[in-house]
C-alpha atoms as a PDB file:
ATOM      1  CA  MET A   1      18.979  14.981   2.810  1.00  0.00           C
ATOM      2  CA  THR A   2      22.703  14.255   2.559  1.00  0.00           C
ATOM      3  CA  ASP A   3      24.291  11.986  -0.004  1.00  0.00           C
ATOM      4  CA  ASP A   4      24.960   9.383   2.725  1.00  0.00           C
ATOM      5  CA  THR A   5      21.304   9.370   3.790  1.00  0.00           C
ATOM      6  CA  SER A   6      20.146   9.247   0.192  1.00  0.00           C
ATOM      7  CA  ALA A   7      22.492   6.348  -0.574  1.00  0.00           C
ATOM      8  CA  ALA A   8      21.333   4.491   2.545  1.00  0.00           C
ATOM      9  CA  SER A   9      17.652   4.844   1.644  1.00  0.00           C
ATOM     10  CA  GLU A  10      18.404   3.822  -1.962  1.00  0.00           C
ATOM     11  CA  ALA A  11      20.167   0.690  -0.684  1.00  0.00           C
ATOM     12  CA  ARG A  12      17.080  -0.283   1.335  1.00  0.00           C
ATOM     13  CA  SER A  13      14.604   0.214  -1.491  1.00  0.00           C
ATOM     14  CA  ALA A  14      13.000  -2.806  -3.122  1.00  0.00           C
ATOM     15  CA  GLY A  15      14.314  -1.869  -6.544  1.00  0.00           C
ATOM     16  CA  ALA A  16      17.858  -1.513  -5.252  1.00  0.00           C
ATOM     17  CA  MET A  17      17.614  -4.830  -3.385  1.00  0.00           C
ATOM     18  CA  LEU A  18      16.441  -6.629  -6.541  1.00  0.00           C
ATOM     19  CA  ARG A  19      19.135  -4.992  -8.631  1.00  0.00           C
ATOM     20  CA  ALA A  20      21.833  -5.899  -6.057  1.00  0.00           C
ATOM     21  CA  ALA A  21      20.626  -9.521  -5.869  1.00  0.00           C
ATOM     22  CA  ARG A  22      20.722  -9.806  -9.649  1.00  0.00           C
ATOM     23  CA  GLU A  23      24.207  -8.307  -9.770  1.00  0.00           C
ATOM     24  CA  ARG A  24      25.485 -10.590  -6.945  1.00  0.00           C
ATOM     25  CA  GLN A  25      24.461 -13.559  -9.052  1.00  0.00           C
ATOM     26  CA  GLY A  26      26.333 -12.077 -11.973  1.00  0.00           C
ATOM     27  CA  LEU A  27      23.118 -11.899 -13.977  1.00  0.00           C
ATOM     28  CA  HIS A  28      23.226  -9.050 -16.486  1.00  0.00           C
ATOM     29  CA  ILE A  29      19.902  -7.411 -17.300  1.00  0.00           C
ATOM     30  CA  ALA A  30      20.206  -8.682 -20.899  1.00  0.00           C
ATOM     31  CA  ALA A  31      20.517 -12.275 -19.642  1.00  0.00           C
ATOM     32  CA  LEU A  32      17.548 -11.798 -17.337  1.00  0.00           C
ATOM     33  CA  ALA A  33      15.491 -10.356 -20.183  1.00  0.00           C
ATOM     34  CA  ALA A  34      16.332 -13.347 -22.381  1.00  0.00           C
ATOM     35  CA  SER A  35      15.588 -15.881 -19.646  1.00  0.00           C
ATOM     36  CA  ILE A  36      12.131 -14.470 -18.910  1.00  0.00           C
ATOM     37  CA  LYS A  37      11.433 -13.603 -22.559  1.00  0.00           C
ATOM     38  CA  VAL A  38      10.913  -9.882 -21.999  1.00  0.00           C
ATOM     39  CA  PRO A  39      12.619  -7.253 -24.135  1.00  0.00           C
ATOM     40  CA  GLN A  40      15.645  -5.755 -22.394  1.00  0.00           C
ATOM     41  CA  ALA A  41      14.346  -2.254 -23.069  1.00  0.00           C
ATOM     42  CA  LYS A  42      11.176  -3.052 -21.110  1.00  0.00           C
ATOM     43  CA  LEU A  43      13.178  -4.303 -18.119  1.00  0.00           C
ATOM     44  CA  GLU A  44      15.385  -1.226 -18.212  1.00  0.00           C
ATOM     45  CA  ALA A  45      12.309   1.019 -18.420  1.00  0.00           C
ATOM     46  CA  LEU A  46      10.750  -0.851 -15.500  1.00  0.00           C
ATOM     47  CA  ASP A  47      13.955  -0.496 -13.492  1.00  0.00           C
ATOM     48  CA  GLN A  48      13.995   3.256 -14.181  1.00  0.00           C
ATOM     49  CA  ARG A  49      10.292   3.582 -13.320  1.00  0.00           C
ATOM     50  CA  VAL A  50      10.771   1.785  -9.997  1.00  0.00           C
ATOM     51  CA  ALA A  51      13.745   4.018  -9.157  1.00  0.00           C
ATOM     52  CA  LYS A  52      11.684   7.111 -10.027  1.00  0.00           C
ATOM     53  CA  LEU A  53       8.740   5.975  -7.879  1.00  0.00           C
ATOM     54  CA  GLU A  54      10.980   5.073  -4.968  1.00  0.00           C
ATOM     55  CA  ALA A  55      12.583   8.521  -5.137  1.00  0.00           C
ATOM     56  CA  GLN A  56       9.216  10.191  -4.545  1.00  0.00           C
ATOM     57  CA  PRO A  57       8.463  11.165  -0.969  1.00  0.00           C
ATOM     58  CA  SER A  58       6.252   8.759   0.894  1.00  0.00           C
ATOM     59  CA  ILE A  59       3.007   9.690   2.642  1.00  0.00           C
ATOM     60  CA  PRO A  60       3.791  12.156   5.442  1.00  0.00           C
ATOM     61  CA  LYS A  61       3.200  10.730   8.895  1.00  0.00           C
ATOM     62  CA  VAL A  62       0.796  13.568   9.681  1.00  0.00           C
ATOM     63  CA  LEU A  63      -1.640  12.134   7.122  1.00  0.00           C
ATOM     64  CA  VAL A  64      -1.654   8.711   8.795  1.00  0.00           C
ATOM     65  CA  PRO A  65      -4.075   8.589  11.736  1.00  0.00           C
ATOM     66  CA  SER A  66      -2.781   7.617  15.163  1.00  0.00           C
ATOM     67  CA  ASP A  67      -4.030   4.515  16.960  1.00  0.00           C
ATOM     68  CA  GLU A  68      -6.182   6.730  19.184  1.00  0.00           C
ATOM     69  CA  GLU A  69      -7.805   8.392  16.159  1.00  0.00           C
ATOM     70  CA  VAL A  70      -8.538   5.012  14.580  1.00  0.00           C
ATOM     71  CA  ASP A  71     -10.038   3.728  17.859  1.00  0.00           C
ATOM     72  CA  LYS A  72     -12.208   6.848  18.177  1.00  0.00           C
ATOM     73  CA  SER A  73     -13.439   6.434  14.599  1.00  0.00           C
ATOM     74  CA  LEU A  74     -14.262   2.774  15.183  1.00  0.00           C
ATOM     75  CA  ASP A  75     -16.157   3.645  18.373  1.00  0.00           C
ATOM     76  CA  ILE A  76     -18.228   6.192  16.446  1.00  0.00           C
ATOM     77  CA  MET A  77     -18.928   3.661  13.703  1.00  0.00           C
ATOM     78  CA  GLU A  78     -19.933   1.035  16.257  1.00  0.00           C
ATOM     79  CA  LYS A  79     -22.400   3.436  17.932  1.00  0.00           C
ATOM     80  CA  PHE A  80     -23.816   4.369  14.540  1.00  0.00           C
ATOM     81  CA  PHE A  81     -24.229   0.706  13.604  1.00  0.00           C
ATOM     82  CA  HIS A  82     -26.029  -0.146  16.852  1.00  0.00           C
ATOM     83  CA  ARG A  83     -28.382   2.807  16.438  1.00  0.00           C
ATOM     84  CA  PHE A  84     -28.995   1.913  12.815  1.00  0.00           C
ATOM     85  CA  MET A  85     -29.811  -1.699  13.730  1.00  0.00           C
ATOM     86  CA  GLY A  86     -32.227  -0.428  16.396  1.00  0.00           C
ATOM     87  CA  ILE A  87     -33.987   1.709  13.798  1.00  0.00           C
ATOM     88  CA  MET A  88     -34.160  -1.251  11.408  1.00  0.00           C
ATOM     89  CA  LYS A  89     -35.702  -3.469  14.117  1.00  0.00           C
ATOM     90  CA  ASP A  90     -38.305  -0.790  14.846  1.00  0.00           C
ATOM     91  CA  LEU A  91     -39.121  -0.478  11.136  1.00  0.00           C
ATOM     92  CA  ASP A  92     -39.374  -4.247  10.850  1.00  0.00           C
ATOM     93  CA  LYS A  93     -41.822  -4.346  13.757  1.00  0.00           C
ATOM     94  CA  ASP A  94     -43.911  -1.592  12.146  1.00  0.00           C
ATOM     95  CA  ALA A  95     -43.924  -3.405   8.784  1.00  0.00           C
ATOM     96  CA  GLN A  96     -45.228  -6.679  10.204  1.00  0.00           C
ATOM     97  CA  PRO A  97     -49.013  -7.060  10.099  1.00  0.00           C
ATOM     98  CA  GLN A  98     -50.738  -6.495  13.427  1.00  0.00           C
ATOM     99  CA  ARG A  99     -52.443  -9.556  14.859  1.00  0.00           C
ATOM    100  CA  THR A 100     -55.907  -9.022  16.263  1.00  0.00           C
END
């Protein structure tokens, strides 16, 4: 990843957007901390933690199922459910006392 790409993804991150909005308003992190009654050190630690989490790679696309895979899974689940309900109806019939 080049520095330009890295900078572009950083600019789009939620943490960077919040930081930029705060800075546009001229609100220093110390003033924000005082206004919301949170220690400045905690806000700075949170800011660093968000940056660290956002720097981690996201879930690779290969781990996310395609629409076709999701549809196939739902079809299988639907068939299972219908068969299961059929079994339950049969068991319910067998459990009811026989009338003579």
